[in-house]
C-alpha cells in the first residue's frame, strides 16, 4: 500500500516538474528569443506599396501585412499552419457577390421588357394616329385674347373698389380712435427695445469682467507651474533623475535600432534652387543615416519616388531590465506619486 502511494506521489511530482519546466521554457522563449521583422516600402508614380513581416520562435508565429491603394490594408496571422486572422476576402465570397449582381441585372432587364410589352404605344403615337381630328389654331388664339381682355378689366375694377374700401376703412379707424391705440403700442415697443438693448450691454460687460478674471487666474496658475518646473530643474536630485532617464532612453534606442537599412530616394522639386537646398541638407545628414542610403536629386523634372528596406530584431529581456531599473529608481517613483496626487 505504501509503495502504491509513493508511486502516485512520484508521478504527480514528475507532472508538476514537467509543467514547471514548460512554463520556464515559455518565459525564457518570450524574453530571450528575438522578434525579427522586415519591412519594404516603395513609392512610384504617386502609388505607395508597403510590405511588412514579423516572425518569432523559428517562424512559429508569422504576421504579414500588405498595404496598397487598391486593396487597402491586409493582415494575416499564422501559428504553424493555422490562420488566426486574415483580412482578405475569400475568392468564393467575391464570386458569389458577382453572381448575385448578374442575377439582379437579368431580373431588371426582364422587368423592363415586360413593361414595354404592356404599354407598346406612347402618348405621341396615340396623338398622331388621329389625323381626322384637326385643331383650329386661330380660334384658340381669339379665345385667349378675349380671356386676357376680360381679366384686365376685372383687375381695374377690383383695384378701384379696393382703394375706396381702404379710404373708408381708414376714416372709420380715425373716428373710432384706433390710431391712438396704435401709437401707444408703438411707444411700448420702443420701451421694450430700449430695455433689451440695455440688458444686452450689461451682459456683455459682465462677460468681459469674467473673462478678465479668468485671464488673471490662468496667469497665476502659469506662474506657479513655471516656478515648480524651475525648482524641479534646479534641484540636484531631479537632475540626477533626468540624467538616469536619458541613459536608459539611449539604451532602449540601441535595442530598437534596425540592423540593416537600405534606401533610395529620387526627388526633384519645382525649381533647381529648392532642389539644391534640399540635397545640401540631406548630404549633411549622411553621417547619421548611414552609407546604405542613396539620395539622388533631379534638377530637370519634378518627381518624388524611392524605396526603403528595413531589417532588425527586438529582444524583450533587455527592455524588461530597463523597465525594472526605471521602476526601482526612488526619484522616478516619487515624481510619479506627485503627478498622481
C-alpha atoms as a PDB file:
ATOM      1  CA  UNK A   1       0.000   0.000   0.000  1.00  0.00           C
ATOM      2  CA  UNK A   2       2.796   2.416   0.858  1.00  0.00           C
ATOM      3  CA  UNK A   3       4.537   1.522  -2.371  1.00  0.00           C
ATOM      4  CA  UNK A   4       1.439   2.481  -4.385  1.00  0.00           C
ATOM      5  CA  UNK A   5       1.147   5.852  -2.565  1.00  0.00           C
ATOM      6  CA  UNK A   6       4.820   6.637  -3.205  1.00  0.00           C
ATOM      7  CA  UNK A   7       4.380   5.718  -6.869  1.00  0.00           C
ATOM      8  CA  UNK A   8       1.384   8.085  -7.184  1.00  0.00           C
ATOM      9  CA  UNK A   9       3.320  10.895  -5.482  1.00  0.00           C
ATOM     10  CA  UNK A  10       6.240  10.258  -7.803  1.00  0.00           C
ATOM     11  CA  UNK A  11       4.018  10.512 -10.867  1.00  0.00           C
ATOM     12  CA  UNK A  12       2.444  13.739  -9.538  1.00  0.00           C
ATOM     13  CA  UNK A  13       5.899  15.190  -8.869  1.00  0.00           C
ATOM     14  CA  UNK A  14       7.035  14.329 -12.387  1.00  0.00           C
ATOM     15  CA  UNK A  15       3.933  16.006 -13.879  1.00  0.00           C
ATOM     16  CA  UNK A  16       4.478  19.163 -11.771  1.00  0.00           C
ATOM     17  CA  UNK A  17       8.149  19.267 -12.748  1.00  0.00           C
ATOM     18  CA  UNK A  18       7.260  18.931 -16.423  1.00  0.00           C
ATOM     19  CA  UNK A  19       4.679  21.714 -16.160  1.00  0.00           C
ATOM     20  CA  UNK A  20       7.156  23.968 -14.357  1.00  0.00           C
ATOM     21  CA  UNK A  21       9.751  23.216 -16.995  1.00  0.00           C
ATOM     22  CA  UNK A  22       7.297  24.118 -19.757  1.00  0.00           C
ATOM     23  CA  UNK A  23       6.394  27.373 -18.016  1.00  0.00           C
ATOM     24  CA  UNK A  24      10.081  28.279 -17.554  1.00  0.00           C
ATOM     25  CA  UNK A  25      10.777  27.371 -21.175  1.00  0.00           C
ATOM     26  CA  UNK A  26       7.889  29.534 -22.388  1.00  0.00           C
ATOM     27  CA  UNK A  27       9.016  32.513 -20.277  1.00  0.00           C
ATOM     28  CA  UNK A  28      12.600  32.077 -21.497  1.00  0.00           C
ATOM     29  CA  UNK A  29      11.373  31.913 -25.094  1.00  0.00           C
ATOM     30  CA  UNK A  30       9.357  35.103 -24.656  1.00  0.00           C
ATOM     31  CA  UNK A  31      12.242  37.019 -23.080  1.00  0.00           C
ATOM     32  CA  UNK A  32      15.261  35.634 -24.923  1.00  0.00           C
ATOM     33  CA  UNK A  33      14.080  34.608 -28.387  1.00  0.00           C
ATOM     34  CA  UNK A  34      14.160  37.778 -30.524  1.00  0.00           C
ATOM     35  CA  UNK A  35      11.253  39.058 -32.571  1.00  0.00           C
ATOM     36  CA  UNK A  36      12.512  39.518 -36.132  1.00  0.00           C
ATOM     37  CA  UNK A  37      10.982  41.964 -38.561  1.00  0.00           C
ATOM     38  CA  UNK A  38      11.457  43.104 -42.139  1.00  0.00           C
ATOM     39  CA  UNK A  39       9.719  45.924 -43.965  1.00  0.00           C
ATOM     40  CA  UNK A  40       9.727  47.129 -47.573  1.00  0.00           C
ATOM     41  CA  UNK A  41       8.157  50.286 -48.911  1.00  0.00           C
ATOM     42  CA  UNK A  42       8.003  51.708 -52.427  1.00  0.00           C
ATOM     43  CA  UNK A  43       6.626  54.979 -53.765  1.00  0.00           C
ATOM     44  CA  UNK A  44       6.450  55.368 -57.540  1.00  0.00           C
ATOM     45  CA  UNK A  45       4.089  57.351 -59.806  1.00  0.00           C
ATOM     46  CA  UNK A  46       2.177  58.529 -56.743  1.00  0.00           C
ATOM     47  CA  UNK A  47       1.324  54.939 -55.678  1.00  0.00           C
ATOM     48  CA  UNK A  48       2.605  53.691 -52.267  1.00  0.00           C
ATOM     49  CA  UNK A  49       3.122  49.978 -51.574  1.00  0.00           C
ATOM     50  CA  UNK A  50       4.178  48.735 -48.115  1.00  0.00           C
ATOM     51  CA  UNK A  51       5.038  45.168 -47.075  1.00  0.00           C
ATOM     52  CA  UNK A  52       5.964  44.041 -43.550  1.00  0.00           C
ATOM     53  CA  UNK A  53       6.695  40.687 -41.961  1.00  0.00           C
ATOM     54  CA  UNK A  54       7.172  39.747 -38.282  1.00  0.00           C
ATOM     55  CA  UNK A  55       8.338  36.288 -37.168  1.00  0.00           C
ATOM     56  CA  UNK A  56       9.032  34.724 -33.779  1.00  0.00           C
ATOM     57  CA  UNK A  57      10.417  31.431 -32.483  1.00  0.00           C
ATOM     58  CA  UNK A  58      11.687  29.897 -35.738  1.00  0.00           C
ATOM     59  CA  UNK A  59       8.644  31.097 -37.734  1.00  0.00           C
ATOM     60  CA  UNK A  60       6.231  29.501 -35.277  1.00  0.00           C
ATOM     61  CA  UNK A  61       4.348  32.797 -35.273  1.00  0.00           C
ATOM     62  CA  UNK A  62       4.117  34.766 -38.521  1.00  0.00           C
ATOM     63  CA  UNK A  63       2.455  38.098 -39.167  1.00  0.00           C
ATOM     64  CA  UNK A  64       2.296  39.534 -42.682  1.00  0.00           C
ATOM     65  CA  UNK A  65       0.986  42.953 -43.660  1.00  0.00           C
ATOM     66  CA  UNK A  66       0.408  44.438 -47.101  1.00  0.00           C
ATOM     67  CA  UNK A  67      -0.886  47.897 -47.946  1.00  0.00           C
ATOM     68  CA  UNK A  68      -1.737  49.352 -51.343  1.00  0.00           C
ATOM     69  CA  UNK A  69      -4.363  51.744 -52.673  1.00  0.00           C
ATOM     70  CA  UNK A  70      -6.425  49.088 -54.467  1.00  0.00           C
ATOM     71  CA  UNK A  71      -6.863  46.522 -51.654  1.00  0.00           C
ATOM     72  CA  UNK A  72      -6.121  48.704 -48.615  1.00  0.00           C
ATOM     73  CA  UNK A  73      -4.524  47.077 -45.560  1.00  0.00           C
ATOM     74  CA  UNK A  74      -4.361  43.277 -45.467  1.00  0.00           C
ATOM     75  CA  UNK A  75      -3.144  41.451 -42.334  1.00  0.00           C
ATOM     76  CA  UNK A  76      -2.535  37.715 -41.974  1.00  0.00           C
ATOM     77  CA  UNK A  77      -1.528  35.975 -38.719  1.00  0.00           C
ATOM     78  CA  UNK A  78      -0.407  32.314 -38.673  1.00  0.00           C
ATOM     79  CA  UNK A  79       0.714  29.899 -35.968  1.00  0.00           C
ATOM     80  CA  UNK A  80       2.329  26.853 -37.620  1.00  0.00           C
ATOM     81  CA  UNK A  81      -0.170  26.093 -40.431  1.00  0.00           C
ATOM     82  CA  UNK A  82      -3.274  27.607 -38.814  1.00  0.00           C
ATOM     83  CA  UNK A  83      -4.693  31.009 -39.789  1.00  0.00           C
ATOM     84  CA  UNK A  84      -5.689  33.111 -36.804  1.00  0.00           C
ATOM     85  CA  UNK A  85      -6.678  36.250 -38.692  1.00  0.00           C
ATOM     86  CA  UNK A  86      -6.927  37.206 -42.330  1.00  0.00           C
ATOM     87  CA  UNK A  87      -8.421  40.492 -43.526  1.00  0.00           C
ATOM     88  CA  UNK A  88      -8.528  39.374 -47.174  1.00  0.00           C
ATOM     89  CA  UNK A  89     -11.862  38.383 -48.660  1.00  0.00           C
ATOM     90  CA  UNK A  90     -12.107  34.840 -49.973  1.00  0.00           C
ATOM     91  CA  UNK A  91     -12.382  34.387 -53.709  1.00  0.00           C
ATOM     92  CA  UNK A  92     -15.530  32.265 -53.258  1.00  0.00           C
ATOM     93  CA  UNK A  93     -17.296  35.137 -51.484  1.00  0.00           C
ATOM     94  CA  UNK A  94     -16.336  37.501 -54.301  1.00  0.00           C
ATOM     95  CA  UNK A  95     -17.652  35.047 -56.899  1.00  0.00           C
ATOM     96  CA  UNK A  96     -20.967  34.726 -55.004  1.00  0.00           C
ATOM     97  CA  UNK A  97     -21.311  38.512 -54.900  1.00  0.00           C
ATOM     98  CA  UNK A  98     -20.642  38.732 -58.649  1.00  0.00           C
ATOM     99  CA  UNK A  99     -23.253  36.026 -59.360  1.00  0.00           C
ATOM    100  CA  UNK A 100     -25.859  37.871 -57.280  1.00  0.00           C
ATOM    101  CA  UNK A 101     -25.158  41.104 -59.153  1.00  0.00           C
ATOM    102  CA  UNK A 102     -25.568  39.326 -62.523  1.00  0.00           C
ATOM    103  CA  UNK A 103     -28.920  37.824 -61.412  1.00  0.00           C
ATOM    104  CA  UNK A 104     -30.183  41.241 -60.306  1.00  0.00           C
ATOM    105  CA  UNK A 105     -29.247  42.734 -63.678  1.00  0.00           C
ATOM    106  CA  UNK A 106     -31.107  39.947 -65.557  1.00  0.00           C
ATOM    107  CA  UNK A 107     -34.213  40.499 -63.409  1.00  0.00           C
ATOM    108  CA  UNK A 108     -34.156  44.231 -64.136  1.00  0.00           C
ATOM    109  CA  UNK A 109     -33.895  43.586 -67.885  1.00  0.00           C
ATOM    110  CA  UNK A 110     -36.839  41.106 -67.850  1.00  0.00           C
ATOM    111  CA  UNK A 111     -38.976  43.561 -65.891  1.00  0.00           C
ATOM    112  CA  UNK A 112     -38.278  46.403 -68.344  1.00  0.00           C
ATOM    113  CA  UNK A 113     -39.149  44.222 -71.381  1.00  0.00           C
ATOM    114  CA  UNK A 114     -42.452  43.193 -69.775  1.00  0.00           C
ATOM    115  CA  UNK A 115     -43.351  46.831 -69.124  1.00  0.00           C
ATOM    116  CA  UNK A 116     -42.717  47.700 -72.760  1.00  0.00           C
ATOM    117  CA  UNK A 117     -44.998  44.872 -73.920  1.00  0.00           C
ATOM    118  CA  UNK A 118     -47.779  46.079 -71.626  1.00  0.00           C
ATOM    119  CA  UNK A 119     -47.573  49.652 -72.938  1.00  0.00           C
ATOM    120  CA  UNK A 120     -46.267  49.412 -76.517  1.00  0.00           C
ATOM    121  CA  UNK A 121     -47.673  52.795 -77.568  1.00  0.00           C
ATOM    122  CA  UNK A 122     -46.680  56.196 -76.285  1.00  0.00           C
ATOM    123  CA  UNK A 123     -48.796  59.310 -75.956  1.00  0.00           C
ATOM    124  CA  UNK A 124     -47.249  60.833 -79.049  1.00  0.00           C
ATOM    125  CA  UNK A 125     -48.157  57.804 -81.159  1.00  0.00           C
ATOM    126  CA  UNK A 126     -51.781  57.915 -79.988  1.00  0.00           C
ATOM    127  CA  UNK A 127     -51.989  61.650 -80.705  1.00  0.00           C
ATOM    128  CA  UNK A 128     -50.591  61.469 -84.221  1.00  0.00           C
ATOM    129  CA  UNK A 129     -52.562  58.355 -85.185  1.00  0.00           C
ATOM    130  CA  UNK A 130     -55.746  60.503 -85.462  1.00  0.00           C
ATOM    131  CA  UNK A 131     -55.321  62.848 -88.440  1.00  0.00           C
ATOM    132  CA  UNK A 132     -59.030  63.352 -88.928  1.00  0.00           C
ATOM    133  CA  UNK A 133     -59.295  65.423 -85.748  1.00  0.00           C
ATOM    134  CA  UNK A 134     -57.848  68.850 -86.625  1.00  0.00           C
ATOM    135  CA  UNK A 135     -57.419  71.844 -84.291  1.00  0.00           C
ATOM    136  CA  UNK A 136     -58.427  75.368 -85.223  1.00  0.00           C
ATOM    137  CA  UNK A 137     -55.416  77.376 -84.031  1.00  0.00           C
ATOM    138  CA  UNK A 138     -56.831  80.776 -84.979  1.00  0.00           C
ATOM    139  CA  UNK A 139     -59.969  80.139 -82.957  1.00  0.00           C
ATOM    140  CA  UNK A 140     -57.873  79.175 -79.938  1.00  0.00           C
ATOM    141  CA  UNK A 141     -55.859  82.405 -80.233  1.00  0.00           C
ATOM    142  CA  UNK A 142     -59.053  84.519 -80.363  1.00  0.00           C
ATOM    143  CA  UNK A 143     -60.347  82.823 -77.220  1.00  0.00           C
ATOM    144  CA  UNK A 144     -57.053  83.552 -75.415  1.00  0.00           C
ATOM    145  CA  UNK A 145     -57.103  87.263 -76.400  1.00  0.00           C
ATOM    146  CA  UNK A 146     -60.709  87.646 -75.237  1.00  0.00           C
ATOM    147  CA  UNK A 147     -59.872  85.993 -71.931  1.00  0.00           C
ATOM    148  CA  UNK A 148     -56.938  88.355 -71.324  1.00  0.00           C
ATOM    149  CA  UNK A 149     -59.124  91.427 -72.024  1.00  0.00           C
ATOM    150  CA  UNK A 150     -61.733  90.226 -69.530  1.00  0.00           C
ATOM    151  CA  UNK A 151     -59.089  89.645 -66.858  1.00  0.00           C
ATOM    152  CA  UNK A 152     -57.573  93.155 -67.346  1.00  0.00           C
ATOM    153  CA  UNK A 153     -60.973  94.850 -66.995  1.00  0.00           C
ATOM    154  CA  UNK A 154     -61.707  92.806 -63.854  1.00  0.00           C
ATOM    155  CA  UNK A 155     -58.380  93.820 -62.272  1.00  0.00           C
ATOM    156  CA  UNK A 156     -59.025  97.527 -62.946  1.00  0.00           C
ATOM    157  CA  UNK A 157     -62.488  97.481 -61.399  1.00  0.00           C
ATOM    158  CA  UNK A 158     -61.339  95.415 -58.418  1.00  0.00           C
ATOM    159  CA  UNK A 159     -58.399  97.805 -57.728  1.00  0.00           C
ATOM    160  CA  UNK A 160     -60.755 100.828 -57.755  1.00  0.00           C
ATOM    161  CA  UNK A 161     -63.134  99.081 -55.356  1.00  0.00           C
ATOM    162  CA  UNK A 162     -60.262  98.083 -53.047  1.00  0.00           C
ATOM    163  CA  UNK A 163     -58.873 101.655 -52.903  1.00  0.00           C
ATOM    164  CA  UNK A 164     -62.361 103.039 -51.998  1.00  0.00           C
ATOM    165  CA  UNK A 165     -62.762 100.413 -49.295  1.00  0.00           C
ATOM    166  CA  UNK A 166     -59.303 101.260 -47.839  1.00  0.00           C
ATOM    167  CA  UNK A 167     -60.164 105.000 -47.656  1.00  0.00           C
ATOM    168  CA  UNK A 168     -63.478 104.290 -45.907  1.00  0.00           C
ATOM    169  CA  UNK A 169     -61.743 101.875 -43.508  1.00  0.00           C
ATOM    170  CA  UNK A 170     -59.062 104.429 -42.577  1.00  0.00           C
ATOM    171  CA  UNK A 171     -61.704 107.132 -41.955  1.00  0.00           C
ATOM    172  CA  UNK A 172     -63.597 104.752 -39.695  1.00  0.00           C
ATOM    173  CA  UNK A 173     -60.434 103.894 -37.726  1.00  0.00           C
ATOM    174  CA  UNK A 174     -59.538 107.586 -37.302  1.00  0.00           C
ATOM    175  CA  UNK A 175     -63.047 108.362 -35.988  1.00  0.00           C
ATOM    176  CA  UNK A 176     -63.083 105.469 -33.503  1.00  0.00           C
ATOM    177  CA  UNK A 177     -59.603 106.309 -32.086  1.00  0.00           C
ATOM    178  CA  UNK A 178     -57.845 103.091 -33.102  1.00  0.00           C
ATOM    179  CA  UNK A 179     -54.829 105.082 -34.383  1.00  0.00           C
ATOM    180  CA  UNK A 180     -54.243 106.429 -30.851  1.00  0.00           C
ATOM    181  CA  UNK A 181     -54.034 102.873 -29.504  1.00  0.00           C
ATOM    182  CA  UNK A 182     -51.521 102.017 -32.225  1.00  0.00           C
ATOM    183  CA  UNK A 183     -49.362 104.981 -31.168  1.00  0.00           C
ATOM    184  CA  UNK A 184     -49.400 103.750 -27.563  1.00  0.00           C
ATOM    185  CA  UNK A 185     -48.429 100.237 -28.663  1.00  0.00           C
ATOM    186  CA  UNK A 186     -45.534 101.669 -30.707  1.00  0.00           C
ATOM    187  CA  UNK A 187     -44.299 103.554 -27.618  1.00  0.00           C
ATOM    188  CA  UNK A 188     -44.437 100.361 -25.552  1.00  0.00           C
ATOM    189  CA  UNK A 189     -42.459  98.503 -28.229  1.00  0.00           C
ATOM    190  CA  UNK A 190     -39.815 101.259 -28.214  1.00  0.00           C
ATOM    191  CA  UNK A 191     -39.500 100.983 -24.426  1.00  0.00           C
ATOM    192  CA  UNK A 192     -39.138  97.201 -24.656  1.00  0.00           C
ATOM    193  CA  UNK A 193     -36.435  97.531 -27.325  1.00  0.00           C
ATOM    194  CA  UNK A 194     -34.559 100.007 -25.104  1.00  0.00           C
ATOM    195  CA  UNK A 195     -34.695  97.570 -22.174  1.00  0.00           C
ATOM    196  CA  UNK A 196     -33.475  94.676 -24.376  1.00  0.00           C
ATOM    197  CA  UNK A 197     -30.519  96.757 -25.613  1.00  0.00           C
ATOM    198  CA  UNK A 198     -29.710  97.808 -22.024  1.00  0.00           C
ATOM    199  CA  UNK A 199     -29.746  94.177 -20.805  1.00  0.00           C
ATOM    200  CA  UNK A 200     -27.543  93.099 -23.710  1.00  0.00           C
ATOM    201  CA  UNK A 201     -24.966  95.780 -22.883  1.00  0.00           C
ATOM    202  CA  UNK A 202     -24.947  94.712 -19.205  1.00  0.00           C
ATOM    203  CA  UNK A 203     -24.460  91.052 -20.226  1.00  0.00           C
ATOM    204  CA  UNK A 204     -21.538  91.962 -22.490  1.00  0.00           C
ATOM    205  CA  UNK A 205     -19.867  93.979 -19.691  1.00  0.00           C
ATOM    206  CA  UNK A 206     -20.312  91.082 -17.241  1.00  0.00           C
ATOM    207  CA  UNK A 207     -18.806  88.639 -19.736  1.00  0.00           C
ATOM    208  CA  UNK A 208     -15.803  90.914 -20.278  1.00  0.00           C
ATOM    209  CA  UNK A 209     -15.252  91.166 -16.487  1.00  0.00           C
ATOM    210  CA  UNK A 210     -15.482  87.351 -16.138  1.00  0.00           C
ATOM    211  CA  UNK A 211     -13.008  86.903 -18.982  1.00  0.00           C
ATOM    212  CA  UNK A 212     -10.538  89.296 -17.324  1.00  0.00           C
ATOM    213  CA  UNK A 213     -10.840  87.345 -14.062  1.00  0.00           C
ATOM    214  CA  UNK A 214     -10.218  84.052 -15.886  1.00  0.00           C
ATOM    215  CA  UNK A 215      -7.130  85.510 -17.550  1.00  0.00           C
ATOM    216  CA  UNK A 216      -5.810  86.598 -14.144  1.00  0.00           C
ATOM    217  CA  UNK A 217      -6.423  83.130 -12.657  1.00  0.00           C
ATOM    218  CA  UNK A 218      -4.714  81.358 -15.575  1.00  0.00           C
ATOM    219  CA  UNK A 219      -1.778  83.766 -15.320  1.00  0.00           C
ATOM    220  CA  UNK A 220      -1.366  82.943 -11.642  1.00  0.00           C
ATOM    221  CA  UNK A 221      -1.549  79.208 -12.375  1.00  0.00           C
ATOM    222  CA  UNK A 222       1.066  79.524 -15.127  1.00  0.00           C
ATOM    223  CA  UNK A 223       3.414  81.437 -12.838  1.00  0.00           C
ATOM    224  CA  UNK A 224       3.038  78.750 -10.162  1.00  0.00           C
ATOM    225  CA  UNK A 225       3.704  75.984 -12.706  1.00  0.00           C
ATOM    226  CA  UNK A 226       6.752  77.789 -14.074  1.00  0.00           C
ATOM    227  CA  UNK A 227       8.144  78.183 -10.541  1.00  0.00           C
ATOM    228  CA  UNK A 228       7.562  74.481  -9.861  1.00  0.00           C
ATOM    229  CA  UNK A 229       9.282  73.495 -13.108  1.00  0.00           C
ATOM    230  CA  UNK A 230      12.254  75.798 -12.428  1.00  0.00           C
ATOM    231  CA  UNK A 231      12.601  74.417  -8.879  1.00  0.00           C
ATOM    232  CA  UNK A 232      12.410  70.887 -10.240  1.00  0.00           C
ATOM    233  CA  UNK A 233      15.109  71.575 -12.857  1.00  0.00           C
ATOM    234  CA  UNK A 234      17.391  73.326 -10.355  1.00  0.00           C
ATOM    235  CA  UNK A 235      17.031  70.533  -7.831  1.00  0.00           C
ATOM    236  CA  UNK A 236      20.193  68.320  -7.997  1.00  0.00           C
ATOM    237  CA  UNK A 237      18.189  65.143  -7.290  1.00  0.00           C
ATOM    238  CA  UNK A 238      15.935  65.828 -10.246  1.00  0.00           C
ATOM    239  CA  UNK A 239      18.985  66.456 -12.439  1.00  0.00           C
ATOM    240  CA  UNK A 240      20.276  63.033 -11.465  1.00  0.00           C
ATOM    241  CA  UNK A 241      16.888  61.546 -12.348  1.00  0.00           C
ATOM    242  CA  UNK A 242      16.865  63.225 -15.790  1.00  0.00           C
ATOM    243  CA  UNK A 243      20.416  62.027 -16.494  1.00  0.00           C
ATOM    244  CA  UNK A 244      19.460  58.492 -15.432  1.00  0.00           C
ATOM    245  CA  UNK A 245      16.383  58.501 -17.690  1.00  0.00           C
ATOM    246  CA  UNK A 246      18.380  59.839 -20.647  1.00  0.00           C
ATOM    247  CA  UNK A 247      20.883  56.957 -20.289  1.00  0.00           C
ATOM    248  CA  UNK A 248      18.040  54.412 -20.247  1.00  0.00           C
ATOM    249  CA  UNK A 249      16.413  56.002 -23.284  1.00  0.00           C
ATOM    250  CA  UNK A 250      19.669  55.770 -25.251  1.00  0.00           C
ATOM    251  CA  UNK A 251      19.966  52.074 -24.331  1.00  0.00           C
ATOM    252  CA  UNK A 252      16.393  51.493 -25.475  1.00  0.00           C
ATOM    253  CA  UNK A 253      17.045  53.201 -28.807  1.00  0.00           C
ATOM    254  CA  UNK A 254      20.068  50.977 -29.370  1.00  0.00           C
ATOM    255  CA  UNK A 255      17.914  47.906 -28.786  1.00  0.00           C
ATOM    256  CA  UNK A 256      15.167  49.106 -31.126  1.00  0.00           C
ATOM    257  CA  UNK A 257      17.558  50.312 -33.827  1.00  0.00           C
ATOM    258  CA  UNK A 258      17.275  48.193 -37.013  1.00  0.00           C
ATOM    259  CA  UNK A 259      20.339  46.210 -38.029  1.00  0.00           C
ATOM    260  CA  UNK A 260      20.031  46.958 -41.711  1.00  0.00           C
ATOM    261  CA  UNK A 261      18.594  49.962 -43.525  1.00  0.00           C
ATOM    262  CA  UNK A 262      18.773  50.444 -47.283  1.00  0.00           C
ATOM    263  CA  UNK A 263      17.049  53.275 -49.104  1.00  0.00           C
ATOM    264  CA  UNK A 264      17.000  55.010 -52.456  1.00  0.00           C
ATOM    265  CA  UNK A 265      15.334  58.407 -52.840  1.00  0.00           C
ATOM    266  CA  UNK A 266      14.965  60.173 -56.188  1.00  0.00           C
ATOM    267  CA  UNK A 267      13.455  63.624 -55.916  1.00  0.00           C
ATOM    268  CA  UNK A 268      13.082  66.800 -57.909  1.00  0.00           C
ATOM    269  CA  UNK A 269      11.247  69.899 -56.685  1.00  0.00           C
ATOM    270  CA  UNK A 270       9.620  72.816 -58.521  1.00  0.00           C
ATOM    271  CA  UNK A 271      12.836  74.648 -59.276  1.00  0.00           C
ATOM    272  CA  UNK A 272      16.551  73.861 -59.220  1.00  0.00           C
ATOM    273  CA  UNK A 273      17.288  76.181 -56.283  1.00  0.00           C
ATOM    274  CA  UNK A 274      14.979  74.439 -53.804  1.00  0.00           C
ATOM    275  CA  UNK A 275      16.160  71.047 -55.072  1.00  0.00           C
ATOM    276  CA  UNK A 276      19.769  72.054 -54.437  1.00  0.00           C
ATOM    277  CA  UNK A 277      18.981  73.287 -50.925  1.00  0.00           C
ATOM    278  CA  UNK A 278      17.166  70.037 -50.079  1.00  0.00           C
ATOM    279  CA  UNK A 279      20.091  67.992 -51.436  1.00  0.00           C
ATOM    280  CA  UNK A 280      22.520  70.044 -49.325  1.00  0.00           C
ATOM    281  CA  UNK A 281      20.512  69.437 -46.138  1.00  0.00           C
ATOM    282  CA  UNK A 282      20.243  65.720 -46.938  1.00  0.00           C
ATOM    283  CA  UNK A 283      24.008  65.476 -47.535  1.00  0.00           C
ATOM    284  CA  UNK A 284      24.667  66.935 -44.090  1.00  0.00           C
ATOM    285  CA  UNK A 285      22.727  64.006 -42.580  1.00  0.00           C
ATOM    286  CA  UNK A 286      24.777  61.256 -44.246  1.00  0.00           C
ATOM    287  CA  UNK A 287      26.812  60.760 -41.067  1.00  0.00           C
ATOM    288  CA  UNK A 288      23.656  59.864 -39.157  1.00  0.00           C
ATOM    289  CA  UNK A 289      21.607  57.964 -41.731  1.00  0.00           C
ATOM    290  CA  UNK A 290      24.380  55.655 -42.937  1.00  0.00           C
ATOM    291  CA  UNK A 291      26.165  54.788 -46.124  1.00  0.00           C
ATOM    292  CA  UNK A 292      23.455  52.467 -47.492  1.00  0.00           C
ATOM    293  CA  UNK A 293      21.056  55.342 -48.120  1.00  0.00           C
ATOM    294  CA  UNK A 294      21.287  56.963 -51.545  1.00  0.00           C
ATOM    295  CA  UNK A 295      19.722  60.348 -52.261  1.00  0.00           C
ATOM    296  CA  UNK A 296      19.603  61.357 -55.923  1.00  0.00           C
ATOM    297  CA  UNK A 297      18.431  64.925 -56.684  1.00  0.00           C
ATOM    298  CA  UNK A 298      16.926  65.625 -60.103  1.00  0.00           C
ATOM    299  CA  UNK A 299      17.263  69.222 -61.354  1.00  0.00           C
ATOM    300  CA  UNK A 300      15.368  68.697 -64.621  1.00  0.00           C
ATOM    301  CA  UNK A 301      11.937  67.393 -63.605  1.00  0.00           C
ATOM    302  CA  UNK A 302       9.553  67.458 -60.657  1.00  0.00           C
ATOM    303  CA  UNK A 303       9.472  63.914 -59.275  1.00  0.00           C
ATOM    304  CA  UNK A 304       9.360  62.019 -55.982  1.00  0.00           C
ATOM    305  CA  UNK A 305       9.988  58.272 -55.900  1.00  0.00           C
ATOM    306  CA  UNK A 306      12.025  55.781 -53.952  1.00  0.00           C
ATOM    307  CA  UNK A 307      12.134  52.609 -51.906  1.00  0.00           C
ATOM    308  CA  UNK A 308      13.328  51.535 -48.467  1.00  0.00           C
ATOM    309  CA  UNK A 309      14.222  48.207 -46.857  1.00  0.00           C
ATOM    310  CA  UNK A 310      14.478  47.707 -43.084  1.00  0.00           C
ATOM    311  CA  UNK A 311      15.531  44.576 -41.199  1.00  0.00           C
ATOM    312  CA  UNK A 312      16.060  44.046 -37.497  1.00  0.00           C
ATOM    313  CA  UNK A 313      15.193  42.152 -34.337  1.00  0.00           C
ATOM    314  CA  UNK A 314      13.972  43.042 -30.859  1.00  0.00           C
ATOM    315  CA  UNK A 315      14.742  41.103 -27.688  1.00  0.00           C
ATOM    316  CA  UNK A 316      12.387  41.628 -24.750  1.00  0.00           C
ATOM    317  CA  UNK A 317      14.811  40.698 -21.936  1.00  0.00           C
ATOM    318  CA  UNK A 318      16.947  43.892 -22.067  1.00  0.00           C
ATOM    319  CA  UNK A 319      13.772  46.001 -22.449  1.00  0.00           C
ATOM    320  CA  UNK A 320      12.371  44.343 -19.300  1.00  0.00           C
ATOM    321  CA  UNK A 321      15.627  45.102 -17.427  1.00  0.00           C
ATOM    322  CA  UNK A 322      15.435  48.804 -18.433  1.00  0.00           C
ATOM    323  CA  UNK A 323      11.793  48.973 -17.288  1.00  0.00           C
ATOM    324  CA  UNK A 324      12.694  47.331 -13.959  1.00  0.00           C
ATOM    325  CA  UNK A 325      15.554  49.796 -13.373  1.00  0.00           C
ATOM    326  CA  UNK A 326      13.287  52.764 -14.045  1.00  0.00           C
ATOM    327  CA  UNK A 327      10.602  51.355 -11.743  1.00  0.00           C
ATOM    328  CA  UNK A 328      13.066  50.761  -8.890  1.00  0.00           C
ATOM    329  CA  UNK A 329      14.527  54.281  -9.064  1.00  0.00           C
ATOM    330  CA  UNK A 330      13.364  56.201  -5.974  1.00  0.00           C
ATOM    331  CA  UNK A 331      13.271  59.637  -7.606  1.00  0.00           C
ATOM    332  CA  UNK A 332      11.180  58.363 -10.501  1.00  0.00           C
ATOM    333  CA  UNK A 333       8.702  56.756  -8.129  1.00  0.00           C
ATOM    334  CA  UNK A 334       8.432  59.940  -6.050  1.00  0.00           C
ATOM    335  CA  UNK A 335       7.821  62.006  -9.175  1.00  0.00           C
ATOM    336  CA  UNK A 336       5.137  59.563 -10.386  1.00  0.00           C
ATOM    337  CA  UNK A 337       3.413  59.715  -6.986  1.00  0.00           C
ATOM    338  CA  UNK A 338       3.471  63.551  -7.119  1.00  0.00           C
ATOM    339  CA  UNK A 339       1.826  63.501 -10.546  1.00  0.00           C
ATOM    340  CA  UNK A 340      -0.865  61.069  -9.331  1.00  0.00           C
ATOM    341  CA  UNK A 341      -1.600  63.150  -6.234  1.00  0.00           C
END
